[in-house]
Amino acid sequence: MTKARDRLGFRHRFALCAGAAAGGLMAVRLFVPSPVGMADNGDGFRRMCSLDAVTLVPPGVEQWLEFAHFTYVRAPQDGCDPAQVYPSSGNWLLRAAEVLSGLLGLPGVIDLRALAVLFCVLIAGAFALFAAALRGSVLRRTVVCALLFLVVADSTFAGYAASPYGELAGLTGMVWALAGAVHLGGTPAARLVGLLACTAGAVVAVASKTQTATMAVPFVVLLAFARVPLGRWRTGWRGRAAPALAAVVIVGAAVGEIAAQPGQFRRINPTETVFVGLLPRSDDARGAAVDLGLPADFARYEGRSWWAENPPQSDPRWAAYEDRMTYGNIASFLVTHPMVTARVAYDALDDFGAARPDYLGSYPPEAGLPPGAQESRLALFSALVRDIGGGLMLALVTVLGAAAVPWWRRTADPRRRAFVATVLCAAALTWTQFLTAVYGEAIENTKHLVFAVLAGGLTVAMAVAVPAAGAGAGHDPVGGRSGRSGESDGPDPGHGVDKVPGPGTESTTSTGTTASGVV
């Protein structure tokens, strides 16, 4: 019992240290020697209107694309169009950052540097949660956490911390959801904490943008295999009640985000897909237009987005054919035109391999750097993706995801099964977001693929973490070798200590009550 408590205390101390280190290092990479963020491409303007705030731009400085502007002031009367404001979990983070801006004494209604501070705190919490699930030597756990940090803190993702984009909520939510998922094989208390973290992270992720609503599918499938015993609800279907309720909440958040999309964008995005994505990749653009239910001469708008000069919607006949701009019509076209479908995906591999859009500056004007300059303080992961290419990166993710299925079936240790299931979930998130971004909108693909790129990196990091999970994970710095039965989590009040189940069995607590299996 004493050794078990010592091991439990060590894991808690290591988790706190890992979280503090991750949060501190993230703050250093974001603020030293000067703060970095991401320039607004125009999307951020609509997001910040949810706070009735507009950018404070120094005289003579470009507002869009070139510089990261951190300070926002109250918008003038009629300065924001309510029709362009839509609900998003990103707004929750902005509201919290608004309060934090005042506490930190930062200028304006909200300063995005406060949002970056909040991001550092959230990352610290996610890393502490993840580290608490690891087993084995200090070196092994540290290496796993360091690898995860190299992915999450990469320049591809970290720049969103001080930006007006909704991507920050999606990226942060994904990290929290997967950090919680690895606990779905621990003690009953650990499973409950993991389920709460996974659900909260998944809700934030799927509700961050309309694009991310499809993340709900992998998260729901993951929870379908989870058991979380609660009180008398411990065995059989009762142990699946809490994960089922969590899945309902996640689906509800996804449906709500889709329903809240402004009406104009329900037409704009499919229009972009048709004229920028499909027609340019058809051997016969006129024939493709006809197959889409459009006049043949609409092919002259091939390659022109909604925002281009002389766009498709400027055609006098547009009102008669506007109702053809739907994802249902696009899906029918893709099914009957497999070569176009393949070309769209193939061309998107370059966008995936680019990892990061090259037209959004990272520095504020006062940094004294050229317009559009981008930071690369920590860019090992994105450099790797660019070097091997989007195709090979997706292939690696696919192999790891496919290997996770038999791996999960062969593994008896519930903790390790939870890690393997998380690998499979991350791989599914990668493909879900790749397909959503590629076939959902045809412009700014590299920016829209950021969720798929992060999910791919998390797939690799979680796969590396599997050996550091569960029983037999190696030397324990407090209790020596973990032994055949694995490391104990120490006593769980009211439930005892989970034993490692054999294949096809459920774990049993020291009180004799079935604690249920795991993912």
Protein backbone atom coordinates (compact mmCIF):
# COMPACT_ATOMS: atom_id res chain seq x y z
CA MET A 1 0.00 0.00 0.00
CA THR A 2 2.82 2.42 0.87
CA LYS A 3 4.61 1.74 -2.42
CA ALA A 4 1.34 2.21 -4.30
CA ARG A 5 0.79 5.58 -2.65
CA ASP A 6 4.39 6.58 -3.38
CA ARG A 7 3.97 5.67 -7.04
CA LEU A 8 0.71 7.60 -7.21
CA GLY A 9 2.34 10.61 -5.57
CA PHE A 10 5.25 10.46 -8.01
CA ARG A 11 2.92 10.37 -11.01
CA HIS A 12 1.06 13.39 -9.71
CA ARG A 13 4.30 15.29 -9.16
CA PHE A 14 5.58 14.35 -12.61
CA ALA A 15 2.27 15.41 -14.18
CA LEU A 16 2.38 18.79 -12.46
CA CYS A 17 6.00 19.31 -13.50
CA ALA A 18 5.22 18.30 -17.10
CA GLY A 19 2.28 20.70 -17.22
CA ALA A 20 4.25 23.57 -15.73
CA ALA A 21 7.14 22.95 -18.11
CA ALA A 22 4.86 22.81 -21.15
CA GLY A 23 3.03 25.99 -20.18
CA GLY A 24 6.26 27.83 -19.39
CA LEU A 25 8.04 26.74 -22.55
CA MET A 26 4.99 27.65 -24.63
CA ALA A 27 5.04 31.13 -23.09
CA VAL A 28 8.72 31.50 -23.94
CA ARG A 29 8.26 30.43 -27.58
CA LEU A 30 5.29 32.84 -27.96
CA PHE A 31 6.66 35.92 -26.17
CA VAL A 32 10.47 35.81 -26.31
CA PRO A 33 12.13 37.86 -27.69
CA SER A 34 8.90 39.47 -28.95
CA PRO A 35 5.28 38.31 -29.09
CA VAL A 36 4.13 36.49 -32.21
CA GLY A 37 0.70 35.69 -33.56
CA MET A 38 -0.98 35.57 -36.96
CA ALA A 39 -2.20 38.28 -39.30
CA ASP A 40 -5.88 38.58 -40.14
CA ASN A 41 -6.99 37.48 -43.61
CA GLY A 42 -10.44 39.02 -43.09
CA ASP A 43 -12.03 36.08 -41.29
CA GLY A 44 -10.86 37.38 -37.94
CA PHE A 45 -12.78 40.60 -38.41
CA ARG A 46 -16.07 38.70 -38.33
CA ARG A 47 -14.94 36.67 -35.33
CA MET A 48 -13.99 39.74 -33.30
CA CYS A 49 -17.33 41.36 -34.08
CA SER A 50 -18.82 38.86 -31.63
CA LEU A 51 -17.17 41.06 -28.99
CA ASP A 52 -18.15 44.24 -30.84
CA ALA A 53 -14.44 44.93 -31.23
CA VAL A 54 -12.28 46.05 -34.16
CA THR A 55 -8.53 46.12 -34.73
CA LEU A 56 -6.48 49.10 -33.60
CA VAL A 57 -4.20 49.60 -36.61
CA PRO A 58 -1.34 52.13 -36.47
CA PRO A 59 -1.50 54.84 -39.16
CA GLY A 60 0.10 53.80 -42.44
CA VAL A 61 0.16 50.09 -41.53
CA GLU A 62 -1.67 47.44 -43.54
CA GLN A 63 -4.52 45.82 -41.60
CA TRP A 64 -4.67 42.52 -43.47
CA LEU A 65 -2.26 39.65 -44.10
CA GLU A 66 1.05 41.36 -43.32
CA PHE A 67 1.12 42.05 -39.56
CA ALA A 68 -0.30 40.52 -36.40
CA HIS A 69 -2.36 43.19 -34.64
CA PHE A 70 -3.01 42.37 -31.00
CA THR A 71 -5.05 45.29 -29.64
CA TYR A 72 -8.77 45.61 -30.32
CA VAL A 73 -10.98 48.54 -29.35
CA ARG A 74 -14.72 49.03 -29.17
CA ALA A 75 -16.25 49.05 -32.64
CA PRO A 76 -17.88 52.28 -33.83
CA GLN A 77 -21.62 52.35 -34.35
CA ASP A 78 -22.52 50.12 -37.33
CA GLY A 79 -18.89 49.00 -37.44
CA CYS A 80 -19.88 45.33 -37.27
CA ASP A 81 -22.45 43.50 -39.37
CA PRO A 82 -24.53 41.21 -37.10
CA ALA A 83 -25.35 39.00 -40.10
CA GLN A 84 -21.69 37.96 -40.33
CA VAL A 85 -21.30 37.05 -36.66
CA TYR A 86 -21.85 33.40 -35.84
CA PRO A 87 -21.57 31.38 -32.61
CA SER A 88 -18.36 29.50 -32.01
CA SER A 89 -16.52 27.97 -29.09
CA GLY A 90 -13.72 30.34 -30.07
CA ASN A 91 -15.90 33.11 -28.68
CA TRP A 92 -15.74 31.45 -25.26
CA LEU A 93 -11.97 31.78 -25.26
CA LEU A 94 -12.23 35.37 -26.46
CA ARG A 95 -14.59 36.23 -23.61
CA ALA A 96 -12.18 34.75 -21.10
CA ALA A 97 -9.28 36.61 -22.75
CA GLU A 98 -11.28 39.83 -22.55
CA VAL A 99 -11.42 39.50 -18.76
CA LEU A 100 -7.77 38.47 -18.60
CA SER A 101 -6.76 41.50 -20.67
CA GLY A 102 -8.16 43.77 -17.99
CA LEU A 103 -6.47 41.83 -15.20
CA LEU A 104 -3.11 42.05 -17.00
CA GLY A 105 -3.54 45.76 -17.70
CA LEU A 106 -3.29 45.32 -21.46
CA PRO A 107 -4.65 48.07 -23.74
CA GLY A 108 -7.98 48.09 -25.56
CA VAL A 109 -11.16 46.11 -25.03
CA ILE A 110 -9.22 42.91 -25.62
CA ASP A 111 -5.58 42.24 -26.37
CA LEU A 112 -4.79 38.98 -28.13
CA ARG A 113 -1.66 38.60 -26.05
CA ALA A 114 -4.02 37.74 -23.18
CA LEU A 115 -5.49 35.02 -25.41
CA ALA A 116 -1.95 33.66 -25.85
CA VAL A 117 -1.48 33.61 -22.07
CA LEU A 118 -4.76 31.73 -21.72
CA PHE A 119 -3.56 29.26 -24.37
CA CYS A 120 -0.38 28.62 -22.35
CA VAL A 121 -2.49 27.84 -19.27
CA LEU A 122 -4.73 25.47 -21.23
CA ILE A 123 -1.73 23.69 -22.74
CA ALA A 124 -0.22 23.33 -19.26
CA GLY A 125 -3.43 21.65 -18.09
CA ALA A 126 -3.59 19.33 -21.10
CA PHE A 127 0.03 18.23 -20.68
CA ALA A 128 -0.44 17.61 -16.95
CA LEU A 129 -3.48 15.48 -17.72
CA PHE A 130 -1.66 13.54 -20.43
CA ALA A 131 1.48 13.02 -18.34
CA ALA A 132 -0.58 11.59 -15.47
CA ALA A 133 -1.48 8.62 -17.69
CA LEU A 134 2.13 7.71 -18.51
CA ARG A 135 4.09 4.92 -16.85
CA GLY A 136 7.72 3.84 -16.90
CA SER A 137 10.96 5.66 -16.20
CA VAL A 138 11.26 9.43 -15.88
CA LEU A 139 13.33 9.49 -19.07
CA ARG A 140 10.69 7.63 -21.06
CA ARG A 141 7.88 9.85 -19.84
CA THR A 142 9.92 12.99 -20.47
CA VAL A 143 10.76 11.93 -24.02
CA VAL A 144 7.09 11.27 -24.79
CA CYS A 145 6.03 14.65 -23.39
CA ALA A 146 8.84 16.41 -25.28
CA LEU A 147 7.76 14.82 -28.56
CA LEU A 148 4.18 15.89 -27.96
CA PHE A 149 5.36 19.43 -27.22
CA LEU A 150 7.36 19.58 -30.47
CA VAL A 151 4.12 18.93 -32.32
CA VAL A 152 1.75 21.18 -30.38
CA ALA A 153 4.19 24.11 -30.10
CA ASP A 154 5.15 24.05 -33.79
CA SER A 155 4.89 27.33 -35.67
CA THR A 156 2.07 25.83 -37.74
CA PHE A 157 -0.21 25.85 -34.71
CA ALA A 158 1.24 28.14 -32.04
CA GLY A 159 0.68 31.29 -34.10
CA TYR A 160 -3.08 30.88 -33.67
CA ALA A 161 -2.65 31.54 -29.93
CA ALA A 162 -2.56 35.32 -30.49
CA SER A 163 -4.86 35.50 -33.48
CA PRO A 164 -8.52 36.34 -34.11
CA TYR A 165 -9.23 32.97 -35.72
CA GLY A 166 -11.55 30.22 -34.50
CA GLU A 167 -8.87 27.63 -35.26
CA LEU A 168 -7.34 28.17 -31.81
CA ALA A 169 -10.39 26.66 -30.11
CA GLY A 170 -10.41 23.68 -32.47
CA LEU A 171 -6.72 22.95 -31.99
CA THR A 172 -6.83 23.35 -28.20
CA GLY A 173 -9.99 21.29 -27.90
CA MET A 174 -8.46 18.46 -29.92
CA VAL A 175 -5.41 18.33 -27.64
CA TRP A 176 -7.58 18.26 -24.51
CA ALA A 177 -9.91 15.60 -25.92
CA LEU A 178 -7.09 13.20 -26.76
CA ALA A 179 -5.30 13.92 -23.46
CA GLY A 180 -8.50 12.90 -21.68
CA ALA A 181 -9.06 9.84 -23.88
CA VAL A 182 -5.85 8.15 -22.73
CA HIS A 183 -7.34 7.93 -19.22
CA LEU A 184 -10.30 5.82 -20.32
CA GLY A 185 -8.38 2.71 -19.25
CA GLY A 186 -7.47 3.74 -15.71
CA THR A 187 -9.24 3.45 -12.38
CA PRO A 188 -12.91 4.41 -12.23
CA ALA A 189 -11.92 7.85 -10.97
CA ALA A 190 -9.35 8.25 -13.74
CA ARG A 191 -11.89 7.19 -16.36
CA LEU A 192 -14.38 9.75 -15.10
CA VAL A 193 -11.81 12.56 -15.20
CA GLY A 194 -10.71 11.41 -18.65
CA LEU A 195 -14.29 11.30 -19.91
CA LEU A 196 -15.00 14.82 -18.64
CA ALA A 197 -11.82 16.17 -20.24
CA CYS A 198 -12.41 14.31 -23.49
CA THR A 199 -16.00 15.54 -23.70
CA ALA A 200 -15.15 19.14 -22.90
CA GLY A 201 -12.28 19.16 -25.41
CA ALA A 202 -14.39 17.51 -28.10
CA VAL A 203 -17.24 20.01 -27.62
CA VAL A 204 -14.82 22.94 -27.91
CA ALA A 205 -13.24 21.35 -31.00
CA VAL A 206 -16.41 20.49 -32.93
CA ALA A 207 -18.04 23.84 -32.12
CA SER A 208 -15.06 25.98 -33.17
CA LYS A 209 -15.97 26.13 -36.88
CA THR A 210 -18.50 24.56 -39.21
CA GLN A 211 -15.62 22.59 -40.76
CA THR A 212 -14.75 20.94 -37.44
CA ALA A 213 -18.26 19.59 -36.85
CA THR A 214 -17.20 16.38 -38.63
CA MET A 215 -14.72 15.71 -35.80
CA ALA A 216 -17.74 14.48 -33.86
CA VAL A 217 -17.68 11.19 -35.78
CA PRO A 218 -14.29 9.88 -34.51
CA PHE A 219 -14.98 11.12 -30.99
CA VAL A 220 -18.37 9.39 -30.85
CA VAL A 221 -16.90 6.13 -32.17
CA LEU A 222 -14.17 6.31 -29.52
CA LEU A 223 -16.74 6.77 -26.76
CA ALA A 224 -18.86 3.91 -28.11
CA PHE A 225 -16.17 1.51 -26.90
CA ALA A 226 -15.62 3.19 -23.53
CA ARG A 227 -16.91 2.13 -20.14
CA VAL A 228 -16.98 4.51 -17.19
CA PRO A 229 -18.40 2.97 -13.98
CA LEU A 230 -20.36 5.39 -11.82
CA GLY A 231 -21.67 4.26 -8.45
CA ARG A 232 -24.09 1.41 -9.02
CA TRP A 233 -23.87 1.97 -12.78
CA ARG A 234 -20.81 -0.20 -13.16
CA THR A 235 -21.51 -3.36 -15.12
CA GLY A 236 -22.97 -4.21 -18.50
CA TRP A 237 -24.69 -1.46 -20.44
CA ARG A 238 -24.82 0.75 -17.34
CA GLY A 239 -21.06 1.26 -17.56
CA ARG A 240 -21.56 2.71 -21.04
CA ALA A 241 -24.25 5.20 -20.01
CA ALA A 242 -21.88 8.07 -19.19
CA PRO A 243 -19.88 7.77 -22.46
CA ALA A 244 -23.17 7.54 -24.38
CA LEU A 245 -24.40 10.74 -22.74
CA ALA A 246 -21.07 12.41 -23.58
CA ALA A 247 -21.46 11.33 -27.21
CA VAL A 248 -24.92 12.89 -27.35
CA VAL A 249 -23.51 16.17 -26.02
CA ILE A 250 -20.73 16.16 -28.64
CA VAL A 251 -23.17 15.45 -31.48
CA GLY A 252 -25.43 18.20 -30.19
CA ALA A 253 -22.55 20.67 -30.23
CA ALA A 254 -21.69 19.70 -33.82
CA VAL A 255 -25.27 20.00 -35.03
CA GLY A 256 -25.62 23.34 -33.28
CA GLU A 257 -22.48 24.69 -34.95
CA ILE A 258 -23.70 23.62 -38.39
CA ALA A 259 -27.13 25.15 -37.79
CA ALA A 260 -25.58 28.43 -36.62
CA GLN A 261 -23.59 28.97 -39.82
CA PRO A 262 -24.66 32.26 -41.48
CA GLY A 263 -26.92 31.67 -44.46
CA GLN A 264 -24.64 33.37 -46.95
CA PHE A 265 -21.78 30.97 -46.19
CA ARG A 266 -24.01 27.97 -46.78
CA ARG A 267 -24.02 29.17 -50.38
CA ILE A 268 -20.52 30.65 -50.61
CA ASN A 269 -18.55 27.57 -49.60
CA PRO A 270 -20.22 25.12 -52.03
CA THR A 271 -19.86 27.73 -54.77
CA GLU A 272 -16.13 27.88 -54.12
CA THR A 273 -15.94 24.08 -54.29
CA VAL A 274 -17.75 23.95 -57.64
CA PHE A 275 -15.95 26.71 -59.50
CA VAL A 276 -12.50 26.58 -57.89
CA GLY A 277 -12.33 22.91 -56.92
CA LEU A 278 -14.27 20.83 -59.44
CA LEU A 279 -14.42 22.61 -62.80
CA PRO A 280 -10.64 23.28 -63.07
CA ARG A 281 -9.96 19.55 -62.51
CA SER A 282 -12.42 18.32 -65.11
CA ASP A 283 -11.23 17.36 -68.59
CA ASP A 284 -14.40 18.94 -69.98
CA ALA A 285 -15.40 21.94 -67.86
CA ARG A 286 -18.50 22.62 -69.96
CA GLY A 287 -19.68 19.04 -69.61
CA ALA A 288 -18.96 19.13 -65.86
CA ALA A 289 -21.04 22.29 -65.52
CA VAL A 290 -23.95 20.55 -67.23
CA ASP A 291 -23.56 17.51 -64.97
CA LEU A 292 -23.79 19.86 -62.00
CA GLY A 293 -27.07 21.21 -63.35
CA LEU A 294 -25.60 24.48 -64.65
CA PRO A 295 -25.54 26.00 -68.12
CA ALA A 296 -22.51 24.86 -70.12
CA ASP A 297 -21.21 28.40 -70.50
CA PHE A 298 -20.90 28.72 -66.71
CA ALA A 299 -17.58 26.99 -67.36
CA ARG A 300 -16.18 30.44 -68.11
CA TYR A 301 -16.18 31.08 -64.35
CA GLU A 302 -13.78 28.17 -63.85
CA GLY A 303 -11.18 29.04 -61.19
CA ARG A 304 -13.00 32.17 -60.00
CA SER A 305 -13.89 32.34 -56.33
CA TRP A 306 -16.77 34.20 -54.75
CA TRP A 307 -14.40 37.07 -53.96
CA ALA A 308 -12.74 37.32 -57.38
CA GLU A 309 -13.38 39.91 -60.05
CA ASN A 310 -16.39 38.92 -62.19
CA PRO A 311 -17.37 35.98 -59.91
CA PRO A 312 -20.02 33.36 -60.75
CA GLN A 313 -22.72 35.08 -58.71
CA SER A 314 -22.39 38.18 -60.91
CA ASP A 315 -23.97 36.29 -63.81
CA PRO A 316 -27.51 37.59 -64.55
CA ARG A 317 -28.80 34.01 -64.46
CA TRP A 318 -27.33 33.24 -61.05
CA ALA A 319 -30.64 33.40 -59.16
CA ALA A 320 -32.04 30.61 -61.33
CA TYR A 321 -29.15 28.23 -60.58
CA GLU A 322 -28.07 29.27 -57.11
CA ASP A 323 -29.93 26.33 -55.61
CA ARG A 324 -27.48 23.97 -57.32
CA MET A 325 -24.75 25.15 -54.94
CA THR A 326 -25.24 22.47 -52.29
CA TYR A 327 -23.03 19.76 -50.84
CA GLY A 328 -25.60 17.16 -51.84
CA ASN A 329 -25.18 18.12 -55.49
CA ILE A 330 -21.41 18.16 -55.09
CA ALA A 331 -21.40 14.71 -53.48
CA SER A 332 -23.45 13.28 -56.38
CA PHE A 333 -20.99 14.77 -58.85
CA LEU A 334 -17.98 13.36 -57.01
CA VAL A 335 -19.47 9.88 -56.92
CA THR A 336 -20.12 9.88 -60.68
CA HIS A 337 -16.80 11.55 -61.60
CA PRO A 338 -14.11 9.53 -59.79
CA MET A 339 -11.22 11.04 -61.75
CA VAL A 340 -12.18 14.55 -60.63
CA THR A 341 -12.57 13.27 -57.08
CA ALA A 342 -9.08 11.75 -57.20
CA ARG A 343 -7.50 14.88 -58.69
CA VAL A 344 -8.96 17.09 -55.99
CA ALA A 345 -7.49 14.86 -53.28
CA TYR A 346 -4.15 14.47 -55.06
CA ASP A 347 -3.70 18.22 -55.49
CA ALA A 348 -4.57 18.72 -51.83
CA LEU A 349 -1.59 16.61 -50.78
CA ASP A 350 0.66 19.55 -51.63
CA ASP A 351 -1.47 21.82 -49.46
CA PHE A 352 -1.27 19.30 -46.62
CA GLY A 353 2.50 19.00 -47.06
CA ALA A 354 2.92 22.78 -46.95
CA ALA A 355 1.55 22.58 -43.38
CA ARG A 356 1.35 26.34 -42.97
CA PRO A 357 0.04 29.19 -45.18
CA ASP A 358 2.88 31.40 -46.36
CA TYR A 359 0.89 34.63 -46.75
CA LEU A 360 0.05 35.43 -43.11
CA GLY A 361 2.60 37.44 -41.16
CA SER A 362 3.55 36.54 -37.60
CA TYR A 363 4.92 39.76 -36.12
CA PRO A 364 3.37 43.02 -34.96
CA PRO A 365 4.44 46.24 -36.74
CA GLU A 366 6.58 47.33 -33.79
CA ALA A 367 8.82 44.27 -34.19
CA GLY A 368 10.52 46.12 -37.06
CA LEU A 369 10.47 43.15 -39.42
CA PRO A 370 9.41 43.19 -43.09
CA PRO A 371 5.68 42.90 -43.85
CA GLY A 372 4.57 39.28 -43.99
CA ALA A 373 7.59 37.95 -42.06
CA GLN A 374 6.88 34.59 -40.44
CA GLU A 375 8.44 33.18 -37.29
CA SER A 376 10.06 29.75 -37.17
CA ARG A 377 11.21 29.54 -33.55
CA LEU A 378 10.04 25.95 -33.31
CA ALA A 379 9.22 24.36 -36.64
CA LEU A 380 10.73 20.86 -36.54
CA PHE A 381 7.45 19.06 -37.09
CA SER A 382 6.28 21.27 -39.96
CA ALA A 383 9.73 20.98 -41.55
CA LEU A 384 9.44 17.20 -41.34
CA VAL A 385 6.01 17.27 -42.98
CA ARG A 386 7.31 19.48 -45.79
CA ASP A 387 10.37 17.29 -46.30
CA ILE A 388 8.51 13.98 -46.54
CA GLY A 389 5.48 15.46 -48.29
CA GLY A 390 1.79 15.36 -47.57
CA GLY A 391 1.34 11.99 -49.25
CA LEU A 392 3.90 10.19 -47.11
CA MET A 393 2.65 11.88 -43.94
CA LEU A 394 -0.90 10.73 -44.62
CA ALA A 395 0.40 7.27 -45.47
CA LEU A 396 2.23 7.10 -42.12
CA VAL A 397 -0.93 8.16 -40.28
CA THR A 398 -2.93 5.57 -42.20
CA VAL A 399 -0.48 2.79 -41.35
CA LEU A 400 -0.51 3.72 -37.66
CA GLY A 401 -4.30 3.89 -37.66
CA ALA A 402 -4.65 0.54 -39.41
CA ALA A 403 -2.10 -1.08 -37.10
CA ALA A 404 -4.00 0.24 -34.08
CA VAL A 405 -6.97 -2.05 -34.78
CA PRO A 406 -5.19 -5.43 -34.31
CA TRP A 407 -2.95 -3.81 -31.71
CA TRP A 408 -6.03 -2.87 -29.68
CA ARG A 409 -7.54 -6.34 -30.07
CA ARG A 410 -4.36 -8.10 -28.91
CA THR A 411 -3.75 -5.87 -25.88
CA ALA A 412 -5.20 -7.05 -22.59
CA ASP A 413 -3.96 -4.15 -20.46
CA PRO A 414 -6.83 -1.60 -20.31
CA ARG A 415 -4.50 1.38 -19.94
CA ARG A 416 -2.55 0.47 -23.03
CA ARG A 417 -5.77 -0.22 -24.91
CA ALA A 418 -6.87 3.33 -24.14
CA PHE A 419 -3.68 4.74 -25.66
CA VAL A 420 -4.02 2.53 -28.74
CA ALA A 421 -7.65 3.59 -29.16
CA THR A 422 -6.51 7.21 -28.95
CA VAL A 423 -4.02 6.58 -31.77
CA LEU A 424 -6.86 5.24 -33.90
CA CYS A 425 -9.06 8.23 -32.99
CA ALA A 426 -6.30 10.70 -33.92
CA ALA A 427 -5.76 8.95 -37.25
CA ALA A 428 -9.50 9.11 -37.94
CA LEU A 429 -9.50 12.81 -37.06
CA THR A 430 -6.70 13.34 -39.57
CA TRP A 431 -8.63 11.79 -42.43
CA THR A 432 -11.96 13.29 -41.39
CA GLN A 433 -10.53 16.79 -41.43
CA PHE A 434 -8.52 16.19 -44.59
CA LEU A 435 -11.63 15.14 -46.51
CA THR A 436 -13.77 17.89 -44.98
CA ALA A 437 -11.30 20.63 -45.87
CA VAL A 438 -10.55 19.31 -49.36
CA TYR A 439 -14.12 18.73 -50.50
CA GLY A 440 -15.81 21.37 -48.35
CA GLU A 441 -14.12 24.48 -49.73
CA ALA A 442 -11.54 24.99 -52.41
CA ILE A 443 -9.70 28.12 -51.28
CA GLU A 444 -7.06 28.55 -48.56
CA ASN A 445 -6.72 24.78 -48.34
CA THR A 446 -3.46 24.88 -46.39
CA LYS A 447 -5.05 27.00 -43.67
CA HIS A 448 -8.14 24.80 -43.55
CA LEU A 449 -6.01 21.66 -43.31
CA VAL A 450 -4.41 22.80 -40.04
CA PHE A 451 -6.64 20.46 -38.01
CA ALA A 452 -5.67 17.48 -40.16
CA VAL A 453 -1.98 18.37 -39.84
CA LEU A 454 -2.20 18.60 -36.04
CA ALA A 455 -4.18 15.38 -35.83
CA GLY A 456 -1.50 13.68 -37.93
CA GLY A 457 1.22 14.86 -35.56
CA LEU A 458 -0.80 13.74 -32.54
CA THR A 459 -1.26 10.32 -34.15
CA VAL A 460 2.50 9.87 -34.30
CA ALA A 461 3.04 11.24 -30.78
CA MET A 462 0.36 8.99 -29.29
CA ALA A 463 1.77 5.95 -31.08
CA VAL A 464 5.18 6.64 -29.57
CA ALA A 465 3.52 7.00 -26.16
CA VAL A 466 1.89 3.55 -26.22
CA PRO A 467 4.98 1.72 -24.84
CA ALA A 468 4.95 4.17 -21.92
CA ALA A 469 1.38 3.24 -21.04
CA GLY A 470 -0.09 0.45 -18.97
CA ALA A 471 1.44 -2.47 -17.16
CA GLY A 472 5.03 -3.48 -17.70
CA ALA A 473 5.96 0.00 -18.87
CA GLY A 474 9.41 -0.38 -17.45
CA HIS A 475 11.23 0.83 -14.36
CA ASP A 476 9.25 2.83 -11.86
CA PRO A 477 11.43 5.38 -10.06
CA VAL A 478 9.68 4.78 -6.76
CA GLY A 479 8.73 1.13 -6.70
CA GLY A 480 11.37 -0.52 -8.93
CA ARG A 481 10.17 -2.77 -11.75
CA SER A 482 6.44 -2.47 -12.35
CA GLY A 483 6.05 -6.22 -12.23
CA ARG A 484 3.83 -8.64 -14.06
CA SER A 485 0.62 -7.13 -12.83
CA GLY A 486 1.70 -3.60 -13.72
CA GLU A 487 1.81 -0.41 -11.74
CA SER A 488 -0.96 0.15 -9.31
CA ASP A 489 -2.77 3.44 -9.30
CA GLY A 490 -3.13 3.30 -5.61
CA PRO A 491 -6.43 3.05 -3.77
CA ASP A 492 -9.47 4.54 -5.42
CA PRO A 493 -11.91 5.56 -2.68
CA GLY A 494 -14.98 3.38 -2.79
CA HIS A 495 -13.67 1.22 -5.62
CA GLY A 496 -10.26 -0.12 -4.69
CA VAL A 497 -7.49 -0.76 -7.16
CA ASP A 498 -8.14 -1.99 -10.70
CA LYS A 499 -6.41 -5.22 -11.66
CA VAL A 500 -5.21 -5.80 -15.17
CA PRO A 501 -7.81 -7.97 -16.89
CA GLY A 502 -7.05 -10.91 -19.09
CA PRO A 503 -8.34 -11.11 -22.64
CA GLY A 504 -12.10 -10.89 -22.81
CA THR A 505 -12.49 -10.24 -19.09
CA GLU A 506 -13.41 -7.26 -16.99
CA SER A 507 -11.21 -5.81 -14.25
CA THR A 508 -12.26 -6.29 -10.65
CA THR A 509 -11.61 -3.96 -7.78
CA SER A 510 -10.29 -5.00 -4.40
CA THR A 511 -13.82 -4.67 -3.03
CA GLY A 512 -14.93 -7.44 -5.35
CA THR A 513 -17.03 -5.13 -7.53
CA THR A 514 -16.62 -5.21 -11.29
CA ALA A 515 -15.05 -1.95 -12.38
CA SER A 516 -15.66 -2.63 -16.05
CA GLY A 517 -13.31 -2.90 -18.93
CA VAL A 518 -12.08 -0.01 -20.92
CA VAL A 519 -11.87 1.29 -24.39
